[in-house]
Amino acid sequence: MPIFIGIDPGSRITGYGVIQSEGMEHRYITCGSLKLPTTSIDERLRVIFNSIHAIMSEFKPNEAAIEQVFMHQNPGAALKLGQARGAAIVAIAHHNISVAEYSARQIKQSVVGYGAAAKDQVQHMIRCLLNLKKTPEPDAADALAVAICHAQTKRGIHHLVGVKGSMRRGRLR
């Protein structure tokens, strides 16, 4: 069964989640939130890189996904978020794994069935989908949602490959 890692990047807290997935069955492996130091941005980025690198080394995922940057009203916050994403992506790329990107709306749609779902709805669905005894922290739940979204997207693509017919102008013939 392939192992998926999902990352919910942040400049103050970065969530990670690792699952094993086969078809519609998802199995929880681990998750957590990296609470980053309030020191300089370079120290935060170092913590993100080293922590994601260690998680990759320990759990050896086959697939990786990360949440895309959404537009902030504050350009400085968007830049810091982009840097956090970059540190996580480089840590994953160091293990020769490509990184898929999904918008927050795509992730919520995939997990909750509603693209504008609230954080508590995502947490609840993650708890149900992975049969967890307790609800994960919001950033960890978001990261698990990223991993599930990617696993389900990959399943859908593989399913379509087996469909007979050809695609023409977006329709199956």
N, C-alpha and C. Protein backbone atom coordinates (compact mmCIF):
# COMPACT_ATOMS: atom_id res chain seq x y z
N MET A 1 0.84 -1.17 0.00
CA MET A 1 0.00 0.00 0.00
C MET A 1 0.90 1.25 0.00
N PRO A 2 0.62 2.19 -0.88
CA PRO A 2 1.43 3.41 -0.92
C PRO A 2 1.25 4.27 0.33
N ILE A 3 2.30 4.98 0.67
CA ILE A 3 2.29 5.89 1.81
C ILE A 3 2.29 7.32 1.27
N PHE A 4 1.41 8.16 1.83
CA PHE A 4 1.24 9.54 1.40
C PHE A 4 1.56 10.47 2.56
N ILE A 5 2.26 11.57 2.28
CA ILE A 5 2.47 12.62 3.27
C ILE A 5 1.77 13.88 2.77
N GLY A 6 1.08 14.54 3.67
CA GLY A 6 0.43 15.81 3.36
C GLY A 6 1.01 16.89 4.26
N ILE A 7 1.18 18.08 3.70
CA ILE A 7 1.75 19.20 4.44
C ILE A 7 0.80 20.38 4.39
N ASP A 8 0.53 20.96 5.55
CA ASP A 8 -0.22 22.21 5.66
C ASP A 8 0.79 23.26 6.14
N PRO A 9 1.38 24.01 5.20
CA PRO A 9 2.48 24.90 5.57
C PRO A 9 2.00 26.15 6.31
N GLY A 10 2.86 26.64 7.17
CA GLY A 10 2.60 27.88 7.87
C GLY A 10 3.90 28.44 8.41
N SER A 11 3.95 29.74 8.61
CA SER A 11 5.19 30.35 9.12
C SER A 11 5.25 30.29 10.65
N ARG A 12 4.12 29.97 11.30
CA ARG A 12 4.12 29.81 12.76
C ARG A 12 3.88 28.36 13.16
N ILE A 13 3.00 27.68 12.42
CA ILE A 13 2.71 26.26 12.66
C ILE A 13 2.60 25.58 11.30
N THR A 14 3.33 24.49 11.13
CA THR A 14 3.24 23.69 9.92
C THR A 14 2.73 22.31 10.32
N GLY A 15 1.63 21.89 9.69
CA GLY A 15 1.06 20.58 9.98
C GLY A 15 1.58 19.54 9.02
N TYR A 16 1.68 18.31 9.49
CA TYR A 16 2.05 17.19 8.63
C TYR A 16 1.17 16.00 8.97
N GLY A 17 0.93 15.16 7.98
CA GLY A 17 0.13 13.97 8.19
C GLY A 17 0.58 12.88 7.24
N VAL A 18 0.69 11.67 7.75
CA VAL A 18 1.13 10.53 6.95
C VAL A 18 0.07 9.44 7.04
N ILE A 19 -0.34 8.95 5.87
CA ILE A 19 -1.34 7.88 5.80
C ILE A 19 -0.86 6.81 4.83
N GLN A 20 -1.46 5.66 4.94
CA GLN A 20 -1.28 4.60 3.96
C GLN A 20 -2.64 4.46 3.30
N SER A 21 -2.64 4.32 1.99
CA SER A 21 -3.92 4.34 1.28
C SER A 21 -3.94 3.33 0.14
N GLU A 22 -5.05 2.65 0.03
CA GLU A 22 -5.30 1.72 -1.07
C GLU A 22 -6.76 1.84 -1.44
N GLY A 23 -7.02 2.33 -2.63
CA GLY A 23 -8.40 2.55 -3.06
C GLY A 23 -9.07 3.56 -2.16
N MET A 24 -10.21 3.19 -1.61
CA MET A 24 -10.96 4.09 -0.72
C MET A 24 -10.59 3.88 0.76
N GLU A 25 -9.67 2.98 1.02
CA GLU A 25 -9.28 2.67 2.39
C GLU A 25 -8.03 3.46 2.77
N HIS A 26 -8.13 4.24 3.84
CA HIS A 26 -7.02 5.04 4.33
C HIS A 26 -6.69 4.60 5.75
N ARG A 27 -5.40 4.45 6.02
CA ARG A 27 -4.95 4.05 7.36
C ARG A 27 -4.01 5.12 7.91
N TYR A 28 -4.30 5.58 9.09
CA TYR A 28 -3.50 6.59 9.78
C TYR A 28 -2.14 6.03 10.16
N ILE A 29 -1.09 6.80 9.91
CA ILE A 29 0.25 6.43 10.38
C ILE A 29 0.70 7.42 11.46
N THR A 30 0.75 8.70 11.14
CA THR A 30 1.14 9.71 12.12
C THR A 30 0.72 11.10 11.65
N CYS A 31 0.71 12.03 12.57
CA CYS A 31 0.47 13.43 12.22
C CYS A 31 1.00 14.30 13.35
N GLY A 32 1.10 15.57 13.08
CA GLY A 32 1.55 16.49 14.11
C GLY A 32 1.61 17.90 13.61
N SER A 33 1.96 18.80 14.51
CA SER A 33 2.10 20.21 14.20
C SER A 33 3.47 20.66 14.65
N LEU A 34 4.21 21.25 13.72
CA LEU A 34 5.51 21.82 14.05
C LEU A 34 5.27 23.24 14.53
N LYS A 35 5.41 23.44 15.81
CA LYS A 35 5.25 24.79 16.37
C LYS A 35 6.60 25.47 16.24
N LEU A 36 6.66 26.44 15.35
CA LEU A 36 7.94 27.03 14.97
C LEU A 36 8.38 28.11 15.97
N PRO A 37 9.69 28.28 16.12
CA PRO A 37 10.18 29.29 17.06
C PRO A 37 9.78 30.69 16.62
N THR A 38 9.70 31.57 17.56
CA THR A 38 9.32 32.96 17.25
C THR A 38 10.55 33.81 16.94
N THR A 39 11.65 33.14 16.67
CA THR A 39 12.89 33.84 16.33
C THR A 39 12.86 34.24 14.86
N SER A 40 13.99 34.28 14.23
CA SER A 40 14.10 34.74 12.85
C SER A 40 13.47 33.76 11.86
N ILE A 41 13.13 34.28 10.68
CA ILE A 41 12.52 33.44 9.64
C ILE A 41 13.48 32.35 9.19
N ASP A 42 14.78 32.63 9.15
CA ASP A 42 15.72 31.60 8.73
C ASP A 42 15.74 30.42 9.70
N GLU A 43 15.57 30.68 10.99
CA GLU A 43 15.51 29.59 11.97
C GLU A 43 14.22 28.80 11.79
N ARG A 44 13.10 29.46 11.52
CA ARG A 44 11.83 28.77 11.28
C ARG A 44 11.94 27.86 10.06
N LEU A 45 12.53 28.37 8.99
CA LEU A 45 12.67 27.59 7.76
C LEU A 45 13.59 26.39 7.98
N ARG A 46 14.62 26.57 8.79
CA ARG A 46 15.53 25.47 9.12
C ARG A 46 14.76 24.38 9.87
N VAL A 47 13.91 24.77 10.82
CA VAL A 47 13.12 23.80 11.59
C VAL A 47 12.16 23.05 10.66
N ILE A 48 11.50 23.76 9.75
CA ILE A 48 10.58 23.11 8.80
C ILE A 48 11.35 22.10 7.95
N PHE A 49 12.45 22.54 7.36
CA PHE A 49 13.23 21.65 6.49
C PHE A 49 13.70 20.42 7.27
N ASN A 50 14.35 20.63 8.41
CA ASN A 50 14.89 19.50 9.17
C ASN A 50 13.80 18.55 9.66
N SER A 51 12.68 19.09 10.11
CA SER A 51 11.59 18.25 10.62
C SER A 51 10.94 17.43 9.51
N ILE A 52 10.63 18.07 8.38
CA ILE A 52 10.02 17.33 7.27
C ILE A 52 11.00 16.30 6.71
N HIS A 53 12.28 16.67 6.64
CA HIS A 53 13.30 15.72 6.19
C HIS A 53 13.33 14.48 7.11
N ALA A 54 13.27 14.70 8.43
CA ALA A 54 13.28 13.59 9.39
C ALA A 54 12.04 12.72 9.25
N ILE A 55 10.88 13.34 9.05
CA ILE A 55 9.63 12.60 8.86
C ILE A 55 9.71 11.76 7.59
N MET A 56 10.24 12.36 6.52
CA MET A 56 10.40 11.63 5.26
C MET A 56 11.34 10.43 5.45
N SER A 57 12.43 10.63 6.18
CA SER A 57 13.39 9.54 6.42
C SER A 57 12.79 8.41 7.24
N GLU A 58 11.97 8.76 8.22
CA GLU A 58 11.39 7.74 9.10
C GLU A 58 10.27 6.94 8.43
N PHE A 59 9.35 7.63 7.73
CA PHE A 59 8.15 6.96 7.22
C PHE A 59 8.23 6.61 5.73
N LYS A 60 9.19 7.16 5.02
CA LYS A 60 9.45 6.84 3.61
C LYS A 60 8.20 6.84 2.72
N PRO A 61 7.50 7.98 2.68
CA PRO A 61 6.31 8.05 1.82
C PRO A 61 6.67 7.95 0.34
N ASN A 62 5.74 7.41 -0.45
CA ASN A 62 5.90 7.29 -1.89
C ASN A 62 5.36 8.51 -2.62
N GLU A 63 4.43 9.23 -1.98
CA GLU A 63 3.74 10.36 -2.59
C GLU A 63 3.69 11.51 -1.59
N ALA A 64 3.69 12.74 -2.13
CA ALA A 64 3.64 13.91 -1.26
C ALA A 64 2.73 14.97 -1.86
N ALA A 65 2.07 15.72 -0.99
CA ALA A 65 1.20 16.82 -1.43
C ALA A 65 1.27 17.94 -0.41
N ILE A 66 1.02 19.16 -0.89
CA ILE A 66 1.08 20.34 -0.05
C ILE A 66 -0.05 21.29 -0.44
N GLU A 67 -0.52 22.05 0.53
CA GLU A 67 -1.56 23.03 0.23
C GLU A 67 -0.94 24.23 -0.48
N GLN A 68 -1.63 24.72 -1.49
CA GLN A 68 -1.17 25.89 -2.23
C GLN A 68 -1.30 27.15 -1.38
N VAL A 69 -0.53 28.16 -1.77
CA VAL A 69 -0.64 29.47 -1.12
C VAL A 69 -1.90 30.13 -1.61
N PHE A 70 -2.67 30.70 -0.68
CA PHE A 70 -3.82 31.49 -1.09
C PHE A 70 -3.45 32.95 -0.88
N MET A 71 -4.14 33.82 -1.55
CA MET A 71 -3.79 35.24 -1.50
C MET A 71 -4.14 35.82 -0.13
N HIS A 72 -3.16 36.43 0.47
CA HIS A 72 -3.35 37.14 1.73
C HIS A 72 -3.55 38.61 1.44
N GLN A 73 -4.22 39.28 2.36
CA GLN A 73 -4.32 40.74 2.25
C GLN A 73 -2.99 41.36 2.62
N ASN A 74 -2.20 40.64 3.42
CA ASN A 74 -0.91 41.13 3.86
C ASN A 74 0.18 40.46 3.01
N PRO A 75 0.84 41.21 2.12
CA PRO A 75 1.88 40.63 1.26
C PRO A 75 3.03 40.00 2.05
N GLY A 76 3.37 40.57 3.20
CA GLY A 76 4.44 40.01 4.03
C GLY A 76 4.09 38.62 4.53
N ALA A 77 2.84 38.43 4.94
CA ALA A 77 2.39 37.11 5.41
C ALA A 77 2.40 36.10 4.26
N ALA A 78 1.99 36.51 3.08
CA ALA A 78 2.00 35.62 1.92
C ALA A 78 3.43 35.20 1.58
N LEU A 79 4.37 36.13 1.69
CA LEU A 79 5.77 35.83 1.40
C LEU A 79 6.31 34.81 2.40
N LYS A 80 6.02 35.00 3.69
CA LYS A 80 6.48 34.06 4.71
C LYS A 80 5.87 32.68 4.51
N LEU A 81 4.59 32.65 4.14
CA LEU A 81 3.94 31.37 3.87
C LEU A 81 4.59 30.68 2.68
N GLY A 82 4.90 31.44 1.65
CA GLY A 82 5.59 30.88 0.48
C GLY A 82 6.95 30.33 0.83
N GLN A 83 7.65 31.00 1.72
CA GLN A 83 8.96 30.52 2.15
C GLN A 83 8.82 29.22 2.95
N ALA A 84 7.81 29.14 3.80
CA ALA A 84 7.56 27.91 4.57
C ALA A 84 7.25 26.75 3.63
N ARG A 85 6.42 27.01 2.63
CA ARG A 85 6.10 25.98 1.62
C ARG A 85 7.38 25.53 0.93
N GLY A 86 8.21 26.51 0.56
CA GLY A 86 9.46 26.20 -0.13
C GLY A 86 10.37 25.30 0.68
N ALA A 87 10.49 25.57 1.98
CA ALA A 87 11.34 24.75 2.85
C ALA A 87 10.81 23.31 2.90
N ALA A 88 9.49 23.16 3.00
CA ALA A 88 8.89 21.82 3.05
C ALA A 88 9.07 21.10 1.71
N ILE A 89 8.88 21.81 0.61
CA ILE A 89 9.02 21.20 -0.73
C ILE A 89 10.45 20.75 -0.96
N VAL A 90 11.41 21.55 -0.57
CA VAL A 90 12.82 21.16 -0.75
C VAL A 90 13.15 19.93 0.10
N ALA A 91 12.61 19.86 1.32
CA ALA A 91 12.85 18.69 2.17
C ALA A 91 12.29 17.43 1.51
N ILE A 92 11.11 17.55 0.90
CA ILE A 92 10.51 16.40 0.22
C ILE A 92 11.30 16.06 -1.05
N ALA A 93 11.65 17.08 -1.82
CA ALA A 93 12.40 16.87 -3.07
C ALA A 93 13.76 16.23 -2.79
N HIS A 94 14.32 16.49 -1.63
CA HIS A 94 15.60 15.88 -1.24
C HIS A 94 15.50 14.36 -1.22
N HIS A 95 14.28 13.84 -1.11
CA HIS A 95 14.04 12.39 -1.10
C HIS A 95 13.57 11.89 -2.47
N ASN A 96 13.76 12.72 -3.49
CA ASN A 96 13.42 12.37 -4.88
C ASN A 96 11.94 12.04 -5.07
N ILE A 97 11.09 12.79 -4.40
CA ILE A 97 9.64 12.62 -4.55
C ILE A 97 9.08 13.95 -5.02
N SER A 98 8.25 13.90 -6.04
CA SER A 98 7.61 15.14 -6.51
C SER A 98 6.46 15.49 -5.57
N VAL A 99 6.08 16.76 -5.60
CA VAL A 99 5.07 17.27 -4.68
C VAL A 99 3.86 17.76 -5.47
N ALA A 100 2.70 17.21 -5.19
CA ALA A 100 1.45 17.69 -5.80
C ALA A 100 0.93 18.85 -4.96
N GLU A 101 0.24 19.78 -5.60
CA GLU A 101 -0.30 20.94 -4.91
C GLU A 101 -1.81 21.00 -5.10
N TYR A 102 -2.52 21.34 -4.01
CA TYR A 102 -3.97 21.44 -4.04
C TYR A 102 -4.40 22.71 -3.32
N SER A 103 -5.46 23.32 -3.83
CA SER A 103 -6.00 24.51 -3.16
C SER A 103 -6.78 24.06 -1.92
N ALA A 104 -6.96 24.99 -1.00
CA ALA A 104 -7.74 24.69 0.21
C ALA A 104 -9.15 24.23 -0.17
N ARG A 105 -9.73 24.84 -1.18
CA ARG A 105 -11.07 24.46 -1.63
C ARG A 105 -11.10 23.02 -2.15
N GLN A 106 -10.09 22.64 -2.94
CA GLN A 106 -10.02 21.26 -3.46
C GLN A 106 -9.90 20.26 -2.32
N ILE A 107 -9.07 20.58 -1.34
CA ILE A 107 -8.85 19.67 -0.21
C ILE A 107 -10.14 19.48 0.58
N LYS A 108 -10.80 20.58 0.91
CA LYS A 108 -12.05 20.51 1.68
C LYS A 108 -13.13 19.78 0.90
N GLN A 109 -13.22 20.03 -0.38
CA GLN A 109 -14.21 19.35 -1.23
C GLN A 109 -13.97 17.85 -1.22
N SER A 110 -12.72 17.46 -1.30
CA SER A 110 -12.35 16.05 -1.34
C SER A 110 -12.67 15.32 -0.04
N VAL A 111 -12.45 15.98 1.08
CA VAL A 111 -12.59 15.33 2.38
C VAL A 111 -13.97 15.51 2.99
N VAL A 112 -14.51 16.73 2.90
CA VAL A 112 -15.78 17.05 3.54
C VAL A 112 -16.94 16.99 2.55
N GLY A 113 -16.64 17.25 1.27
CA GLY A 113 -17.70 17.31 0.27
C GLY A 113 -18.21 18.73 0.07
N TYR A 114 -17.54 19.70 0.71
CA TYR A 114 -17.94 21.09 0.63
C TYR A 114 -16.67 21.94 0.68
N GLY A 115 -16.42 22.67 -0.40
CA GLY A 115 -15.18 23.42 -0.55
C GLY A 115 -14.98 24.58 0.39
N ALA A 116 -16.04 25.02 1.07
CA ALA A 116 -15.92 26.13 2.02
C ALA A 116 -16.11 25.64 3.46
N ALA A 117 -15.81 24.38 3.70
CA ALA A 117 -15.99 23.79 5.03
C ALA A 117 -15.13 24.50 6.07
N ALA A 118 -15.61 24.52 7.29
CA ALA A 118 -14.88 25.11 8.42
C ALA A 118 -13.83 24.11 8.93
N LYS A 119 -12.85 24.63 9.66
CA LYS A 119 -11.78 23.78 10.19
C LYS A 119 -12.33 22.64 11.05
N ASP A 120 -13.34 22.92 11.88
CA ASP A 120 -13.88 21.87 12.74
C ASP A 120 -14.57 20.77 11.93
N GLN A 121 -15.13 21.12 10.78
CA GLN A 121 -15.73 20.10 9.92
C GLN A 121 -14.64 19.20 9.32
N VAL A 122 -13.53 19.80 8.92
CA VAL A 122 -12.40 19.02 8.39
C VAL A 122 -11.87 18.09 9.48
N GLN A 123 -11.69 18.62 10.68
CA GLN A 123 -11.21 17.79 11.80
C GLN A 123 -12.14 16.61 12.06
N HIS A 124 -13.45 16.87 12.05
CA HIS A 124 -14.43 15.81 12.31
C HIS A 124 -14.34 14.72 11.22
N MET A 125 -14.29 15.13 9.97
CA MET A 125 -14.23 14.15 8.88
C MET A 125 -12.93 13.34 8.90
N ILE A 126 -11.83 14.00 9.23
CA ILE A 126 -10.55 13.28 9.34
C ILE A 126 -10.65 12.22 10.43
N ARG A 127 -11.23 12.59 11.55
CA ARG A 127 -11.41 11.63 12.65
C ARG A 127 -12.24 10.44 12.19
N CYS A 128 -13.31 10.70 11.45
CA CYS A 128 -14.19 9.62 10.97
C CYS A 128 -13.50 8.78 9.89
N LEU A 129 -12.90 9.44 8.89
CA LEU A 129 -12.29 8.72 7.76
C LEU A 129 -11.13 7.82 8.19
N LEU A 130 -10.39 8.27 9.19
CA LEU A 130 -9.23 7.50 9.64
C LEU A 130 -9.50 6.71 10.92
N ASN A 131 -10.77 6.76 11.39
CA ASN A 131 -11.19 6.00 12.57
C ASN A 131 -10.28 6.30 13.78
N LEU A 132 -10.07 7.59 14.03
CA LEU A 132 -9.21 8.01 15.13
C LEU A 132 -10.00 8.10 16.43
N LYS A 133 -9.35 7.82 17.54
CA LYS A 133 -10.00 7.90 18.85
C LYS A 133 -10.20 9.35 19.29
N LYS A 134 -9.25 10.23 18.91
CA LYS A 134 -9.40 11.64 19.27
C LYS A 134 -9.16 12.52 18.05
N THR A 135 -9.68 13.72 18.12
CA THR A 135 -9.59 14.66 17.01
C THR A 135 -8.20 15.27 16.96
N PRO A 136 -7.55 15.22 15.79
CA PRO A 136 -6.22 15.84 15.69
C PRO A 136 -6.31 17.37 15.76
N GLU A 137 -5.19 17.99 16.11
CA GLU A 137 -5.11 19.45 16.12
C GLU A 137 -5.44 19.97 14.72
N PRO A 138 -5.93 21.22 14.62
CA PRO A 138 -6.36 21.74 13.32
C PRO A 138 -5.33 21.65 12.19
N ASP A 139 -4.07 22.02 12.46
CA ASP A 139 -3.06 21.99 11.40
C ASP A 139 -2.69 20.56 11.00
N ALA A 140 -2.67 19.66 11.97
CA ALA A 140 -2.40 18.26 11.68
C ALA A 140 -3.56 17.65 10.88
N ALA A 141 -4.79 17.99 11.27
CA ALA A 141 -5.97 17.50 10.54
C ALA A 141 -5.96 18.02 9.11
N ASP A 142 -5.59 19.29 8.93
CA ASP A 142 -5.50 19.85 7.57
C ASP A 142 -4.46 19.10 6.75
N ALA A 143 -3.34 18.76 7.36
CA ALA A 143 -2.29 18.03 6.64
C ALA A 143 -2.76 16.62 6.26
N LEU A 144 -3.47 15.96 7.18
CA LEU A 144 -4.03 14.64 6.85
C LEU A 144 -5.05 14.77 5.72
N ALA A 145 -5.80 15.87 5.71
CA ALA A 145 -6.76 16.12 4.62
C ALA A 145 -6.04 16.29 3.29
N VAL A 146 -4.88 16.94 3.30
CA VAL A 146 -4.08 17.10 2.08
C VAL A 146 -3.65 15.72 1.57
N ALA A 147 -3.19 14.86 2.48
CA ALA A 147 -2.76 13.51 2.10
C ALA A 147 -3.92 12.70 1.53
N ILE A 148 -5.08 12.77 2.17
CA ILE A 148 -6.26 12.04 1.69
C ILE A 148 -6.70 12.57 0.33
N CYS A 149 -6.71 13.88 0.18
CA CYS A 149 -7.08 14.49 -1.10
C CYS A 149 -6.18 13.97 -2.21
N HIS A 150 -4.88 13.92 -1.95
CA HIS A 150 -3.94 13.44 -2.97
C HIS A 150 -4.16 11.95 -3.25
N ALA A 151 -4.37 11.16 -2.20
CA ALA A 151 -4.61 9.71 -2.39
C ALA A 151 -5.86 9.48 -3.22
N GLN A 152 -6.92 10.23 -2.94
CA GLN A 152 -8.17 10.08 -3.69
C GLN A 152 -8.01 10.57 -5.13
N THR A 153 -7.25 11.63 -5.32
CA THR A 153 -6.99 12.13 -6.68
C THR A 153 -6.21 11.09 -7.46
N LYS A 154 -5.18 10.53 -6.86
CA LYS A 154 -4.38 9.49 -7.53
C LYS A 154 -5.25 8.28 -7.86
N ARG A 155 -6.11 7.89 -6.94
CA ARG A 155 -7.01 6.76 -7.17
C ARG A 155 -7.91 7.05 -8.37
N GLY A 156 -8.44 8.27 -8.43
CA GLY A 156 -9.30 8.66 -9.55
C GLY A 156 -8.58 8.63 -10.88
N ILE A 157 -7.33 9.09 -10.89
CA ILE A 157 -6.55 9.08 -12.13
C ILE A 157 -6.27 7.65 -12.57
N HIS A 158 -5.87 6.79 -11.61
CA HIS A 158 -5.60 5.39 -11.95
C HIS A 158 -6.87 4.68 -12.41
N HIS A 159 -7.99 5.04 -11.80
CA HIS A 159 -9.26 4.45 -12.20
C HIS A 159 -9.59 4.83 -13.65
N LEU A 160 -9.36 6.09 -13.99
CA LEU A 160 -9.65 6.55 -15.35
C LEU A 160 -8.76 5.90 -16.38
N VAL A 161 -7.52 5.58 -16.01
CA VAL A 161 -6.60 4.94 -16.95
C VAL A 161 -7.17 3.61 -17.41
N GLY A 162 -7.88 2.92 -16.53
CA GLY A 162 -8.46 1.64 -16.88
C GLY A 162 -9.75 1.72 -17.67
N VAL A 163 -10.31 2.90 -17.84
CA VAL A 163 -11.56 3.06 -18.57
C VAL A 163 -11.30 2.93 -20.06
N LYS A 164 -12.10 2.13 -20.72
CA LYS A 164 -11.94 1.96 -22.17
C LYS A 164 -12.55 3.15 -22.88
N GLY A 165 -11.96 3.54 -23.96
CA GLY A 165 -12.45 4.68 -24.72
C GLY A 165 -11.36 5.73 -24.85
N SER A 166 -11.69 6.80 -25.48
CA SER A 166 -10.71 7.86 -25.66
C SER A 166 -11.33 9.19 -25.26
N MET A 167 -10.49 10.09 -24.84
CA MET A 167 -10.95 11.41 -24.45
C MET A 167 -10.86 12.32 -25.67
N ARG A 168 -11.93 13.05 -25.90
CA ARG A 168 -11.93 14.02 -26.98
C ARG A 168 -12.74 15.23 -26.53
N ARG A 169 -12.09 16.37 -26.52
CA ARG A 169 -12.73 17.61 -26.09
C ARG A 169 -13.37 17.46 -24.70
N GLY A 170 -12.63 16.78 -23.80
CA GLY A 170 -13.10 16.68 -22.43
C GLY A 170 -14.20 15.67 -22.20
N ARG A 171 -14.59 14.89 -23.21
CA ARG A 171 -15.65 13.88 -23.03
C ARG A 171 -15.10 12.50 -23.36
N LEU A 172 -15.58 11.54 -22.61
CA LEU A 172 -15.22 10.16 -22.87
C LEU A 172 -16.04 9.65 -24.04
N ARG A 173 -15.38 9.07 -25.03
CA ARG A 173 -16.08 8.56 -26.20
C ARG A 173 -16.10 7.05 -26.18
